[in-house]
């Protein structure tokens, strides 16, 4: 299963555009309205308005994780000059729990793709210790966020897992 997920992340250019190559070591489950998200699937923006449930599996309560959600395709996939747009950061998520047990550093912003098909990427990092992750500066825009830099500044190391979905404007989706 991990190999298939890595292949999907490579094909979807998540590995390369957002993170460097890594080996998944944990399972993360993301659900919107009780519907599980699988890497590469397409979701309608109207289905992802409210923040999802994000469960971290395969660890213990003494291990903490940081979740980052970004869109590397802003304003559009053909010219992503605002790459990456930050949608959400949650830190101090205890292993074997979900993101509601963590600390929300940047509030969830629903996906609003303008043109083309956008990738919305969830990356999970293992923290060295609790309360070790600092928020991006309050003056920083959500645009031009860089997941790699954020991980480096906070000494997070490589991701432990990642999942992404695709979405496009619903008017465009209906015309397919």
C-alpha atoms as a PDB file:
ATOM      1  CA  UNK A   1       0.000   0.000   0.000  1.00  0.00           C
ATOM      2  CA  UNK A   2       2.841   2.436   0.824  1.00  0.00           C
ATOM      3  CA  UNK A   3       4.451   1.801  -2.575  1.00  0.00           C
ATOM      4  CA  UNK A   4       1.205   2.597  -4.398  1.00  0.00           C
ATOM      5  CA  UNK A   5       0.845   5.817  -2.374  1.00  0.00           C
ATOM      6  CA  UNK A   6       4.420   6.894  -3.219  1.00  0.00           C
ATOM      7  CA  UNK A   7       3.803   6.181  -6.922  1.00  0.00           C
ATOM      8  CA  UNK A   8       0.651   8.334  -6.792  1.00  0.00           C
ATOM      9  CA  UNK A   9       2.572  11.146  -5.049  1.00  0.00           C
ATOM     10  CA  UNK A  10       5.292  10.974  -7.730  1.00  0.00           C
ATOM     11  CA  UNK A  11       2.788  10.870 -10.605  1.00  0.00           C
ATOM     12  CA  UNK A  12       0.850  13.750  -9.041  1.00  0.00           C
ATOM     13  CA  UNK A  13       4.133  15.701  -8.725  1.00  0.00           C
ATOM     14  CA  UNK A  14       3.587  16.157  -4.989  1.00  0.00           C
ATOM     15  CA  UNK A  15       7.042  14.648  -4.604  1.00  0.00           C
ATOM     16  CA  UNK A  16       9.053  17.255  -6.440  1.00  0.00           C
ATOM     17  CA  UNK A  17       6.738  20.271  -6.214  1.00  0.00           C
ATOM     18  CA  UNK A  18       5.966  20.153  -2.468  1.00  0.00           C
ATOM     19  CA  UNK A  19       8.264  17.638  -0.762  1.00  0.00           C
ATOM     20  CA  UNK A  20      11.373  15.644  -1.573  1.00  0.00           C
ATOM     21  CA  UNK A  21      11.223  11.882  -1.928  1.00  0.00           C
ATOM     22  CA  UNK A  22      10.546  10.084   1.357  1.00  0.00           C
ATOM     23  CA  UNK A  23       9.487   6.696   2.696  1.00  0.00           C
ATOM     24  CA  UNK A  24       6.039   6.654   4.354  1.00  0.00           C
ATOM     25  CA  UNK A  25       6.255   5.290   7.888  1.00  0.00           C
ATOM     26  CA  UNK A  26       2.737   5.977   9.193  1.00  0.00           C
ATOM     27  CA  UNK A  27      -0.825   5.832   7.970  1.00  0.00           C
ATOM     28  CA  UNK A  28      -2.997   8.951   7.958  1.00  0.00           C
ATOM     29  CA  UNK A  29      -6.716   8.899   7.200  1.00  0.00           C
ATOM     30  CA  UNK A  30      -8.455  12.040   5.925  1.00  0.00           C
ATOM     31  CA  UNK A  31     -12.236  12.215   5.719  1.00  0.00           C
ATOM     32  CA  UNK A  32     -14.588  14.955   4.576  1.00  0.00           C
ATOM     33  CA  UNK A  33     -18.218  14.340   5.573  1.00  0.00           C
ATOM     34  CA  UNK A  34     -17.435  10.672   6.355  1.00  0.00           C
ATOM     35  CA  UNK A  35     -15.908  10.159   2.873  1.00  0.00           C
ATOM     36  CA  UNK A  36     -12.280   8.994   2.945  1.00  0.00           C
ATOM     37  CA  UNK A  37      -9.791  10.845   0.747  1.00  0.00           C
ATOM     38  CA  UNK A  38      -7.396   8.820  -1.429  1.00  0.00           C
ATOM     39  CA  UNK A  39      -4.396  10.332  -3.182  1.00  0.00           C
ATOM     40  CA  UNK A  40      -5.212  11.520  -6.671  1.00  0.00           C
ATOM     41  CA  UNK A  41      -8.992  11.453  -6.399  1.00  0.00           C
ATOM     42  CA  UNK A  42     -11.071  14.444  -7.487  1.00  0.00           C
ATOM     43  CA  UNK A  43     -13.349  16.183  -5.007  1.00  0.00           C
ATOM     44  CA  UNK A  44     -15.784  19.038  -5.548  1.00  0.00           C
ATOM     45  CA  UNK A  45     -14.991  22.266  -3.671  1.00  0.00           C
ATOM     46  CA  UNK A  46     -18.487  22.113  -2.141  1.00  0.00           C
ATOM     47  CA  UNK A  47     -17.506  18.793  -0.508  1.00  0.00           C
ATOM     48  CA  UNK A  48     -14.440  20.251   1.241  1.00  0.00           C
ATOM     49  CA  UNK A  49     -15.831  23.439   2.802  1.00  0.00           C
ATOM     50  CA  UNK A  50     -15.420  22.344   6.420  1.00  0.00           C
ATOM     51  CA  UNK A  51     -12.084  21.131   7.726  1.00  0.00           C
ATOM     52  CA  UNK A  52     -11.630  17.380   7.439  1.00  0.00           C
ATOM     53  CA  UNK A  53     -11.100  14.786  10.117  1.00  0.00           C
ATOM     54  CA  UNK A  54      -7.438  13.772  10.032  1.00  0.00           C
ATOM     55  CA  UNK A  55      -6.467  10.634  11.962  1.00  0.00           C
ATOM     56  CA  UNK A  56      -2.865   9.631  12.665  1.00  0.00           C
ATOM     57  CA  UNK A  57      -2.367   5.894  13.077  1.00  0.00           C
ATOM     58  CA  UNK A  58       0.467   3.584  14.025  1.00  0.00           C
ATOM     59  CA  UNK A  59       2.164   5.547  16.783  1.00  0.00           C
ATOM     60  CA  UNK A  60       1.677   6.342  20.452  1.00  0.00           C
ATOM     61  CA  UNK A  61       0.373   9.269  22.480  1.00  0.00           C
ATOM     62  CA  UNK A  62       3.912  10.410  23.423  1.00  0.00           C
ATOM     63  CA  UNK A  63       4.782  11.113  19.777  1.00  0.00           C
ATOM     64  CA  UNK A  64       3.587  14.382  18.222  1.00  0.00           C
ATOM     65  CA  UNK A  65       2.946  15.348  14.621  1.00  0.00           C
ATOM     66  CA  UNK A  66       2.493  18.449  12.480  1.00  0.00           C
ATOM     67  CA  UNK A  67       0.010  18.540   9.612  1.00  0.00           C
ATOM     68  CA  UNK A  68       0.435  20.999   6.732  1.00  0.00           C
ATOM     69  CA  UNK A  69      -2.139  21.483   3.947  1.00  0.00           C
ATOM     70  CA  UNK A  70      -1.166  23.469   0.851  1.00  0.00           C
ATOM     71  CA  UNK A  71      -2.173  24.117  -2.755  1.00  0.00           C
ATOM     72  CA  UNK A  72       0.925  24.163  -4.991  1.00  0.00           C
ATOM     73  CA  UNK A  73      -1.102  25.274  -8.052  1.00  0.00           C
ATOM     74  CA  UNK A  74      -2.070  28.891  -7.234  1.00  0.00           C
ATOM     75  CA  UNK A  75      -3.320  30.809  -9.150  1.00  0.00           C
ATOM     76  CA  UNK A  76      -3.411  28.029 -11.764  1.00  0.00           C
ATOM     77  CA  UNK A  77      -1.473  24.866 -12.621  1.00  0.00           C
ATOM     78  CA  UNK A  78      -0.071  26.352 -15.844  1.00  0.00           C
ATOM     79  CA  UNK A  79       1.517  29.298 -13.955  1.00  0.00           C
ATOM     80  CA  UNK A  80       1.706  28.523 -10.212  1.00  0.00           C
ATOM     81  CA  UNK A  81       3.568  31.743  -9.383  1.00  0.00           C
ATOM     82  CA  UNK A  82       2.061  31.974  -5.869  1.00  0.00           C
ATOM     83  CA  UNK A  83       3.150  28.396  -5.046  1.00  0.00           C
ATOM     84  CA  UNK A  84       2.395  27.181  -2.404  1.00  0.00           C
ATOM     85  CA  UNK A  85      -0.838  28.568  -0.908  1.00  0.00           C
ATOM     86  CA  UNK A  86      -1.157  27.582   2.754  1.00  0.00           C
ATOM     87  CA  UNK A  87      -4.552  26.189   3.779  1.00  0.00           C
ATOM     88  CA  UNK A  88      -3.950  24.754   7.247  1.00  0.00           C
ATOM     89  CA  UNK A  89      -1.340  23.939   9.912  1.00  0.00           C
ATOM     90  CA  UNK A  90      -1.995  21.836  13.012  1.00  0.00           C
ATOM     91  CA  UNK A  91       0.838  20.923  15.414  1.00  0.00           C
ATOM     92  CA  UNK A  92       1.224  18.780  18.524  1.00  0.00           C
ATOM     93  CA  UNK A  93      -1.156  16.085  17.251  1.00  0.00           C
ATOM     94  CA  UNK A  94      -0.636  13.077  19.546  1.00  0.00           C
ATOM     95  CA  UNK A  95      -0.080   9.773  17.748  1.00  0.00           C
ATOM     96  CA  UNK A  96      -3.125   7.462  17.494  1.00  0.00           C
ATOM     97  CA  UNK A  97      -5.492  10.458  17.674  1.00  0.00           C
ATOM     98  CA  UNK A  98      -6.830  13.038  15.234  1.00  0.00           C
ATOM     99  CA  UNK A  99      -6.067  16.677  14.416  1.00  0.00           C
ATOM    100  CA  UNK A 100      -8.712  17.975  16.840  1.00  0.00           C
ATOM    101  CA  UNK A 101      -6.288  16.998  19.647  1.00  0.00           C
ATOM    102  CA  UNK A 102      -3.571  19.218  18.152  1.00  0.00           C
ATOM    103  CA  UNK A 103      -2.943  22.952  18.170  1.00  0.00           C
ATOM    104  CA  UNK A 104      -4.215  24.831  15.116  1.00  0.00           C
ATOM    105  CA  UNK A 105      -1.477  27.326  14.185  1.00  0.00           C
ATOM    106  CA  UNK A 106      -3.114  28.429  10.917  1.00  0.00           C
ATOM    107  CA  UNK A 107      -6.879  28.058  10.598  1.00  0.00           C
ATOM    108  CA  UNK A 108      -8.410  25.888   7.888  1.00  0.00           C
ATOM    109  CA  UNK A 109      -9.182  27.705   4.651  1.00  0.00           C
ATOM    110  CA  UNK A 110     -11.474  25.902   2.238  1.00  0.00           C
ATOM    111  CA  UNK A 111     -10.111  25.164  -1.242  1.00  0.00           C
ATOM    112  CA  UNK A 112     -11.191  27.663  -3.932  1.00  0.00           C
ATOM    113  CA  UNK A 113      -9.525  26.661  -7.203  1.00  0.00           C
ATOM    114  CA  UNK A 114      -9.905  29.427  -9.815  1.00  0.00           C
ATOM    115  CA  UNK A 115      -8.634  27.845 -13.006  1.00  0.00           C
ATOM    116  CA  UNK A 116      -7.526  24.361 -13.906  1.00  0.00           C
ATOM    117  CA  UNK A 117      -7.194  21.341 -11.668  1.00  0.00           C
ATOM    118  CA  UNK A 118      -5.495  22.086  -8.348  1.00  0.00           C
ATOM    119  CA  UNK A 119      -3.787  19.639  -6.006  1.00  0.00           C
ATOM    120  CA  UNK A 120      -4.533  19.994  -2.305  1.00  0.00           C
ATOM    121  CA  UNK A 121      -1.754  18.325  -0.352  1.00  0.00           C
ATOM    122  CA  UNK A 122      -1.739  17.105   3.259  1.00  0.00           C
ATOM    123  CA  UNK A 123       1.756  16.406   4.588  1.00  0.00           C
ATOM    124  CA  UNK A 124       2.362  14.892   8.029  1.00  0.00           C
ATOM    125  CA  UNK A 125       5.672  15.369   9.865  1.00  0.00           C
ATOM    126  CA  UNK A 126       6.885  13.790  13.101  1.00  0.00           C
ATOM    127  CA  UNK A 127       7.974  16.404  15.645  1.00  0.00           C
ATOM    128  CA  UNK A 128      11.124  16.008  17.757  1.00  0.00           C
ATOM    129  CA  UNK A 129       9.111  17.058  20.814  1.00  0.00           C
ATOM    130  CA  UNK A 130       5.860  18.735  21.822  1.00  0.00           C
ATOM    131  CA  UNK A 131       5.492  22.508  21.342  1.00  0.00           C
ATOM    132  CA  UNK A 132       8.579  22.636  19.140  1.00  0.00           C
ATOM    133  CA  UNK A 133       6.889  23.998  16.001  1.00  0.00           C
ATOM    134  CA  UNK A 134       6.515  27.725  15.457  1.00  0.00           C
ATOM    135  CA  UNK A 135       3.883  29.364  13.310  1.00  0.00           C
ATOM    136  CA  UNK A 136       4.799  31.257  10.159  1.00  0.00           C
ATOM    137  CA  UNK A 137       5.110  34.951  10.966  1.00  0.00           C
ATOM    138  CA  UNK A 138       1.728  36.689  11.393  1.00  0.00           C
ATOM    139  CA  UNK A 139       2.702  39.160   8.656  1.00  0.00           C
ATOM    140  CA  UNK A 140       3.315  36.312   6.210  1.00  0.00           C
ATOM    141  CA  UNK A 141       0.797  35.782   3.465  1.00  0.00           C
ATOM    142  CA  UNK A 142      -0.683  32.341   2.887  1.00  0.00           C
ATOM    143  CA  UNK A 143       0.782  32.644  -0.626  1.00  0.00           C
ATOM    144  CA  UNK A 144       4.399  31.680  -1.303  1.00  0.00           C
ATOM    145  CA  UNK A 145       4.402  29.227   1.603  1.00  0.00           C
ATOM    146  CA  UNK A 146       7.092  26.572   1.296  1.00  0.00           C
ATOM    147  CA  UNK A 147       6.514  23.224   2.987  1.00  0.00           C
ATOM    148  CA  UNK A 148      10.196  22.236   2.699  1.00  0.00           C
ATOM    149  CA  UNK A 149      11.356  25.500   4.324  1.00  0.00           C
ATOM    150  CA  UNK A 150       8.728  25.202   7.067  1.00  0.00           C
ATOM    151  CA  UNK A 151       9.937  21.665   7.828  1.00  0.00           C
ATOM    152  CA  UNK A 152      13.584  22.801   7.848  1.00  0.00           C
ATOM    153  CA  UNK A 153      12.972  25.824  10.105  1.00  0.00           C
ATOM    154  CA  UNK A 154      11.108  23.595  12.562  1.00  0.00           C
ATOM    155  CA  UNK A 155      13.600  20.684  12.350  1.00  0.00           C
ATOM    156  CA  UNK A 156      10.847  18.270  11.299  1.00  0.00           C
ATOM    157  CA  UNK A 157      12.827  16.055   8.941  1.00  0.00           C
ATOM    158  CA  UNK A 158      11.175  14.260   6.034  1.00  0.00           C
ATOM    159  CA  UNK A 159       7.411  13.654   5.959  1.00  0.00           C
ATOM    160  CA  UNK A 160       6.058  10.452   7.496  1.00  0.00           C
ATOM    161  CA  UNK A 161       3.150  10.399   5.025  1.00  0.00           C
ATOM    162  CA  UNK A 162       1.241  12.564   2.554  1.00  0.00           C
ATOM    163  CA  UNK A 163      -2.119  12.480   0.774  1.00  0.00           C
ATOM    164  CA  UNK A 164      -3.502  14.794  -1.908  1.00  0.00           C
ATOM    165  CA  UNK A 165      -6.735  15.324  -3.778  1.00  0.00           C
ATOM    166  CA  UNK A 166      -7.564  17.258  -6.915  1.00  0.00           C
ATOM    167  CA  UNK A 167     -10.291  19.881  -7.265  1.00  0.00           C
ATOM    168  CA  UNK A 168     -11.412  22.394  -9.851  1.00  0.00           C
ATOM    169  CA  UNK A 169     -14.134  25.037 -10.059  1.00  0.00           C
ATOM    170  CA  UNK A 170     -17.460  23.280  -9.964  1.00  0.00           C
ATOM    171  CA  UNK A 171     -18.745  25.047 -13.061  1.00  0.00           C
ATOM    172  CA  UNK A 172     -15.770  23.587 -14.954  1.00  0.00           C
ATOM    173  CA  UNK A 173     -16.260  20.172 -13.361  1.00  0.00           C
ATOM    174  CA  UNK A 174     -19.887  19.950 -14.494  1.00  0.00           C
ATOM    175  CA  UNK A 175     -18.982  20.605 -18.127  1.00  0.00           C
ATOM    176  CA  UNK A 176     -16.741  17.509 -18.363  1.00  0.00           C
END
